[in-house]
Structure formats: C-alpha cells, structure tokens
C-alpha cells in the first residue's frame, strides 16, 4: 500500500484546481477586492511618515 502521493500527481491536481478557481467570477471579484483592501491598508499605514509608528514597520515581516 502506497501512502505518499507523487509530486507529479500533486502538481496535476493543483493545476486543474487553479483552472477551476480562475474560471469562477466569485473568486475573481473576491480576490480583486481583497488585494485592493490590502493595498489601501498598506498605503494608509506606511505612506504618511508623520502618523506611522515604529511598531507598524514589523507588520510586513509577520505576514
């Protein structure tokens, strides 16, 4: 009995799952909104040096 899946099988499954996800409009809209929100938060926290504090500089390294 084999318990390990070969790397080729994992890559094949991941490729087809990615194709299915990218065809979904819900995924496209949700990922676009999430990316826009993350960019907006990043600009709001780090663009203005007078309002940003030193503790916020560790946020990108923890993500």
PDB file of N, CA and C in Angstrom:
ATOM      1  N   UNK A   1       0.839  -1.185   0.000  1.00  0.00           N
ATOM      2  CA  UNK A   1       0.000   0.000   0.000  1.00  0.00           C
ATOM      3  C   UNK A   1       0.883   1.247   0.000  1.00  0.00           C
ATOM      4  N   UNK A   2       0.656   2.143  -0.969  1.00  0.00           N
ATOM      5  CA  UNK A   2       1.422   3.386  -1.055  1.00  0.00           C
ATOM      6  C   UNK A   2       0.687   4.487  -0.322  1.00  0.00           C
ATOM      7  N   UNK A   3       1.391   5.189   0.524  1.00  0.00           N
ATOM      8  CA  UNK A   3       0.761   6.270   1.275  1.00  0.00           C
ATOM      9  C   UNK A   3       1.181   7.642   0.783  1.00  0.00           C
ATOM     10  N   UNK A   4       2.273   7.721   0.048  1.00  0.00           N
ATOM     11  CA  UNK A   4       2.750   9.013  -0.432  1.00  0.00           C
ATOM     12  C   UNK A   4       2.264   9.267  -1.851  1.00  0.00           C
ATOM     13  N   UNK A   5       1.832  10.493  -2.106  1.00  0.00           N
ATOM     14  CA  UNK A   5       1.416  10.890  -3.443  1.00  0.00           C
ATOM     15  C   UNK A   5       2.631  11.498  -4.139  1.00  0.00           C
ATOM     16  N   UNK A   6       2.811  11.132  -5.392  1.00  0.00           N
ATOM     17  CA  UNK A   6       3.970  11.664  -6.110  1.00  0.00           C
ATOM     18  C   UNK A   6       3.803  13.162  -6.364  1.00  0.00           C
ATOM     19  N   UNK A   7       4.905  13.821  -6.549  1.00  0.00           N
ATOM     20  CA  UNK A   7       4.900  15.265  -6.781  1.00  0.00           C
ATOM     21  C   UNK A   7       4.196  15.607  -8.087  1.00  0.00           C
ATOM     22  N   UNK A   8       4.329  14.744  -9.085  1.00  0.00           N
ATOM     23  CA  UNK A   8       3.658  14.970 -10.364  1.00  0.00           C
ATOM     24  C   UNK A   8       2.138  14.942 -10.206  1.00  0.00           C
ATOM     25  N   UNK A   9       1.635  14.039  -9.386  1.00  0.00           N
ATOM     26  CA  UNK A   9       0.190  13.963  -9.144  1.00  0.00           C
ATOM     27  C   UNK A   9      -0.305  15.212  -8.429  1.00  0.00           C
ATOM     28  N   UNK A  10       0.441  15.687  -7.467  1.00  0.00           N
ATOM     29  CA  UNK A  10       0.057  16.896  -6.730  1.00  0.00           C
ATOM     30  C   UNK A  10       0.047  18.098  -7.660  1.00  0.00           C
ATOM     31  N   UNK A  11       1.047  18.209  -8.531  1.00  0.00           N
ATOM     32  CA  UNK A  11       1.097  19.327  -9.476  1.00  0.00           C
ATOM     33  C   UNK A  11      -0.055  19.274 -10.469  1.00  0.00           C
ATOM     34  N   UNK A  12      -0.426  18.087 -10.910  1.00  0.00           N
ATOM     35  CA  UNK A  12      -1.541  17.945 -11.846  1.00  0.00           C
ATOM     36  C   UNK A  12      -2.854  18.358 -11.199  1.00  0.00           C
ATOM     37  N   UNK A  13      -3.087  17.904  -9.984  1.00  0.00           N
ATOM     38  CA  UNK A  13      -4.305  18.269  -9.264  1.00  0.00           C
ATOM     39  C   UNK A  13      -4.338  19.766  -9.001  1.00  0.00           C
ATOM     40  N   UNK A  14      -3.212  20.346  -8.589  1.00  0.00           N
ATOM     41  CA  UNK A  14      -3.156  21.785  -8.311  1.00  0.00           C
ATOM     42  C   UNK A  14      -3.397  22.604  -9.569  1.00  0.00           C
ATOM     43  N   UNK A  15      -2.892  22.145 -10.702  1.00  0.00           N
ATOM     44  CA  UNK A  15      -3.095  22.860 -11.964  1.00  0.00           C
ATOM     45  C   UNK A  15      -4.579  22.911 -12.337  1.00  0.00           C
ATOM     46  N   UNK A  16      -5.262  21.781 -12.222  1.00  0.00           N
ATOM     47  CA  UNK A  16      -6.680  21.759 -12.574  1.00  0.00           C
ATOM     48  C   UNK A  16      -7.543  22.511 -11.564  1.00  0.00           C
ATOM     49  N   UNK A  17      -7.180  22.468 -10.298  1.00  0.00           N
ATOM     50  CA  UNK A  17      -7.909  23.244  -9.287  1.00  0.00           C
ATOM     51  C   UNK A  17      -7.731  24.737  -9.529  1.00  0.00           C
ATOM     52  N   UNK A  18      -6.540  25.159  -9.929  1.00  0.00           N
ATOM     53  CA  UNK A  18      -6.305  26.577 -10.228  1.00  0.00           C
ATOM     54  C   UNK A  18      -7.120  27.014 -11.435  1.00  0.00           C
ATOM     55  N   UNK A  19      -7.238  26.147 -12.445  1.00  0.00           N
ATOM     56  CA  UNK A  19      -8.060  26.481 -13.606  1.00  0.00           C
ATOM     57  C   UNK A  19      -9.516  26.664 -13.215  1.00  0.00           C
ATOM     58  N   UNK A  20     -10.012  25.792 -12.354  1.00  0.00           N
ATOM     59  CA  UNK A  20     -11.406  25.894 -11.909  1.00  0.00           C
ATOM     60  C   UNK A  20     -11.614  27.178 -11.110  1.00  0.00           C
ATOM     61  N   UNK A  21     -10.668  27.517 -10.235  1.00  0.00           N
ATOM     62  CA  UNK A  21     -10.800  28.732  -9.433  1.00  0.00           C
ATOM     63  C   UNK A  21     -10.789  29.980 -10.295  1.00  0.00           C
ATOM     64  N   UNK A  22      -9.896  30.054 -11.258  1.00  0.00           N
ATOM     65  CA  UNK A  22      -9.792  31.255 -12.080  1.00  0.00           C
ATOM     66  C   UNK A  22     -10.979  31.423 -13.012  1.00  0.00           C
ATOM     67  N   UNK A  23     -11.731  30.369 -13.265  1.00  0.00           N
ATOM     68  CA  UNK A  23     -12.939  30.485 -14.081  1.00  0.00           C
ATOM     69  C   UNK A  23     -14.109  31.031 -13.278  1.00  0.00           C
ATOM     70  N   UNK A  24     -14.022  30.973 -11.980  1.00  0.00           N
ATOM     71  CA  UNK A  24     -15.119  31.419 -11.123  1.00  0.00           C
ATOM     72  C   UNK A  24     -15.087  32.945 -10.967  1.00  0.00           C
ATOM     73  N   UNK A  25     -16.214  33.581 -11.242  1.00  0.00           N
ATOM     74  CA  UNK A  25     -16.302  35.038 -11.109  1.00  0.00           C
ATOM     75  C   UNK A  25     -16.276  35.467  -9.652  1.00  0.00           C
ATOM     76  N   UNK A  26     -16.827  34.637  -8.757  1.00  0.00           N
ATOM     77  CA  UNK A  26     -16.786  34.964  -7.330  1.00  0.00           C
ATOM     78  C   UNK A  26     -15.344  35.059  -6.857  1.00  0.00           C
ATOM     79  N   UNK A  27     -14.505  34.126  -7.276  1.00  0.00           N
ATOM     80  CA  UNK A  27     -13.096  34.154  -6.886  1.00  0.00           C
ATOM     81  C   UNK A  27     -12.399  35.384  -7.445  1.00  0.00           C
ATOM     82  N   UNK A  28     -12.682  35.725  -8.693  1.00  0.00           N
ATOM     83  CA  UNK A  28     -12.049  36.899  -9.301  1.00  0.00           C
ATOM     84  C   UNK A  28     -12.431  38.175  -8.565  1.00  0.00           C
ATOM     85  N   UNK A  29     -13.716  38.336  -8.274  1.00  0.00           N
ATOM     86  CA  UNK A  29     -14.182  39.550  -7.599  1.00  0.00           C
ATOM     87  C   UNK A  29     -13.648  39.602  -6.173  1.00  0.00           C
ATOM     88  N   UNK A  30     -13.736  38.489  -5.442  1.00  0.00           N
ATOM     89  CA  UNK A  30     -13.273  38.462  -4.061  1.00  0.00           C
ATOM     90  C   UNK A  30     -11.772  38.712  -3.971  1.00  0.00           C
ATOM     91  N   UNK A  31     -10.990  38.087  -4.835  1.00  0.00           N
ATOM     92  CA  UNK A  31      -9.541  38.288  -4.773  1.00  0.00           C
ATOM     93  C   UNK A  31      -9.152  39.707  -5.176  1.00  0.00           C
ATOM     94  N   UNK A  32      -9.878  40.301  -6.119  1.00  0.00           N
ATOM     95  CA  UNK A  32      -9.602  41.692  -6.503  1.00  0.00           C
ATOM     96  C   UNK A  32      -9.914  42.646  -5.360  1.00  0.00           C
ATOM     97  N   UNK A  33     -11.046  42.430  -4.694  1.00  0.00           N
ATOM     98  CA  UNK A  33     -11.400  43.283  -3.554  1.00  0.00           C
ATOM     99  C   UNK A  33     -10.422  43.104  -2.394  1.00  0.00           C
ATOM    100  N   UNK A  34     -10.008  41.889  -2.139  1.00  0.00           N
ATOM    101  CA  UNK A  34      -9.052  41.645  -1.061  1.00  0.00           C
ATOM    102  C   UNK A  34      -7.707  42.300  -1.356  1.00  0.00           C
ATOM    103  N   UNK A  35      -7.255  42.200  -2.593  1.00  0.00           N
ATOM    104  CA  UNK A  35      -5.994  42.835  -2.979  1.00  0.00           C
ATOM    105  C   UNK A  35      -6.086  44.351  -2.872  1.00  0.00           C
ATOM    106  N   UNK A  36      -7.195  44.928  -3.315  1.00  0.00           N
ATOM    107  CA  UNK A  36      -7.402  46.368  -3.211  1.00  0.00           C
ATOM    108  C   UNK A  36      -7.412  46.809  -1.746  1.00  0.00           C
ATOM    109  N   UNK A  37      -8.077  46.051  -0.878  1.00  0.00           N
ATOM    110  CA  UNK A  37      -8.129  46.382   0.544  1.00  0.00           C
ATOM    111  C   UNK A  37      -6.739  46.320   1.171  1.00  0.00           C
ATOM    112  N   UNK A  38      -5.965  45.296   0.844  1.00  0.00           N
ATOM    113  CA  UNK A  38      -4.617  45.185   1.403  1.00  0.00           C
ATOM    114  C   UNK A  38      -3.708  46.313   0.939  1.00  0.00           C
ATOM    115  N   UNK A  39      -3.827  46.699  -0.312  1.00  0.00           N
ATOM    116  CA  UNK A  39      -3.036  47.822  -0.823  1.00  0.00           C
ATOM    117  C   UNK A  39      -3.449  49.112  -0.133  1.00  0.00           C
ATOM    118  N   UNK A  40      -4.742  49.312   0.048  1.00  0.00           N
ATOM    119  CA  UNK A  40      -5.245  50.513   0.710  1.00  0.00           C
ATOM    120  C   UNK A  40      -4.758  50.592   2.157  1.00  0.00           C
ATOM    121  N   UNK A  41      -4.813  49.486   2.877  1.00  0.00           N
ATOM    122  CA  UNK A  41      -4.340  49.470   4.263  1.00  0.00           C
ATOM    123  C   UNK A  41      -2.834  49.721   4.311  1.00  0.00           C
ATOM    124  N   UNK A  42      -2.098  49.119   3.398  1.00  0.00           N
ATOM    125  CA  UNK A  42      -0.651  49.313   3.363  1.00  0.00           C
ATOM    126  C   UNK A  42      -0.298  50.773   3.106  1.00  0.00           C
ATOM    127  N   UNK A  43      -0.974  51.404   2.163  1.00  0.00           N
ATOM    128  CA  UNK A  43      -0.715  52.816   1.864  1.00  0.00           C
ATOM    129  C   UNK A  43      -1.118  53.688   3.047  1.00  0.00           C
ATOM    130  N   UNK A  44      -2.246  53.383   3.667  1.00  0.00           N
ATOM    131  CA  UNK A  44      -2.715  54.191   4.793  1.00  0.00           C
ATOM    132  C   UNK A  44      -1.775  54.093   5.991  1.00  0.00           C
ATOM    133  N   UNK A  45      -1.205  52.930   6.225  1.00  0.00           N
ATOM    134  CA  UNK A  45      -0.341  52.765   7.395  1.00  0.00           C
ATOM    135  C   UNK A  45       1.085  53.257   7.174  1.00  0.00           C
ATOM    136  N   UNK A  46       1.599  53.110   5.962  1.00  0.00           N
ATOM    137  CA  UNK A  46       3.021  53.361   5.751  1.00  0.00           C
ATOM    138  C   UNK A  46       3.340  54.565   4.881  1.00  0.00           C
ATOM    139  N   UNK A  47       2.374  55.156   4.225  1.00  0.00           N
ATOM    140  CA  UNK A  47       2.676  56.255   3.307  1.00  0.00           C
ATOM    141  C   UNK A  47       2.933  57.564   4.047  1.00  0.00           C
ATOM    142  N   UNK A  48       2.241  57.764   5.131  1.00  0.00           N
ATOM    143  CA  UNK A  48       2.396  59.014   5.871  1.00  0.00           C
ATOM    144  C   UNK A  48       3.365  58.800   7.035  1.00  0.00           C
ATOM    145  N   UNK A  49       4.594  59.286   6.928  1.00  0.00           N
ATOM    146  CA  UNK A  49       5.574  59.024   7.980  1.00  0.00           C
ATOM    147  C   UNK A  49       5.258  59.734   9.292  1.00  0.00           C
ATOM    148  N   UNK A  50       4.499  60.803   9.245  1.00  0.00           N
ATOM    149  CA  UNK A  50       4.212  61.512  10.493  1.00  0.00           C
ATOM    150  C   UNK A  50       3.207  60.755  11.351  1.00  0.00           C
ATOM    151  N   UNK A  51       2.338  59.964  10.728  1.00  0.00           N
ATOM    152  CA  UNK A  51       1.334  59.244  11.509  1.00  0.00           C
ATOM    153  C   UNK A  51       1.719  57.800  11.775  1.00  0.00           C
ATOM    154  N   UNK A  52       2.687  57.251  11.045  1.00  0.00           N
ATOM    155  CA  UNK A  52       3.054  55.854  11.271  1.00  0.00           C
ATOM    156  C   UNK A  52       4.004  55.754  12.459  1.00  0.00           C
ATOM    157  N   UNK A  53       3.825  54.701  13.210  1.00  0.00           N
ATOM    158  CA  UNK A  53       4.683  54.473  14.367  1.00  0.00           C
ATOM    159  C   UNK A  53       5.639  53.328  14.062  1.00  0.00           C
ATOM    160  N   UNK A  54       6.656  53.184  14.902  1.00  0.00           N
ATOM    161  CA  UNK A  54       7.674  52.169  14.648  1.00  0.00           C
ATOM    162  C   UNK A  54       7.127  50.763  14.763  1.00  0.00           C
ATOM    163  N   UNK A  55       6.083  50.563  15.553  1.00  0.00           N
ATOM    164  CA  UNK A  55       5.566  49.199  15.707  1.00  0.00           C
ATOM    165  C   UNK A  55       4.900  48.699  14.431  1.00  0.00           C
ATOM    166  N   UNK A  56       4.484  49.598  13.535  1.00  0.00           N
ATOM    167  CA  UNK A  56       3.852  49.174  12.291  1.00  0.00           C
ATOM    168  C   UNK A  56       4.865  48.684  11.268  1.00  0.00           C
ATOM    169  N   UNK A  57       6.128  48.947  11.467  1.00  0.00           N
ATOM    170  CA  UNK A  57       7.126  48.512  10.496  1.00  0.00           C
ATOM    171  C   UNK A  57       7.349  47.006  10.543  1.00  0.00           C
ATOM    172  N   UNK A  58       6.895  46.342  11.600  1.00  0.00           N
ATOM    173  CA  UNK A  58       7.017  44.889  11.689  1.00  0.00           C
ATOM    174  C   UNK A  58       5.867  44.149  11.055  1.00  0.00           C
ATOM    175  N   UNK A  59       4.825  44.847  10.626  1.00  0.00           N
ATOM    176  CA  UNK A  59       3.659  44.176  10.050  1.00  0.00           C
ATOM    177  C   UNK A  59       3.999  43.433   8.766  1.00  0.00           C
ATOM    178  N   UNK A  60       4.718  44.010   7.803  1.00  0.00           N
ATOM    179  CA  UNK A  60       5.005  43.257   6.578  1.00  0.00           C
ATOM    180  C   UNK A  60       5.854  42.011   6.820  1.00  0.00           C
ATOM    181  N   UNK A  61       6.694  42.017   7.824  1.00  0.00           N
ATOM    182  CA  UNK A  61       7.516  40.842   8.072  1.00  0.00           C
ATOM    183  C   UNK A  61       6.735  39.729   8.731  1.00  0.00           C
ATOM    184  N   UNK A  62       5.634  40.028   9.382  1.00  0.00           N
ATOM    185  CA  UNK A  62       4.859  38.986  10.041  1.00  0.00           C
ATOM    186  C   UNK A  62       3.817  38.367   9.131  1.00  0.00           C
ATOM    187  N   UNK A  63       3.605  38.954   7.964  1.00  0.00           N
ATOM    188  CA  UNK A  63       2.576  38.415   7.055  1.00  0.00           C
ATOM    189  C   UNK A  63       3.125  37.336   6.187  1.00  0.00           C
TER     190      UNK A  63
END
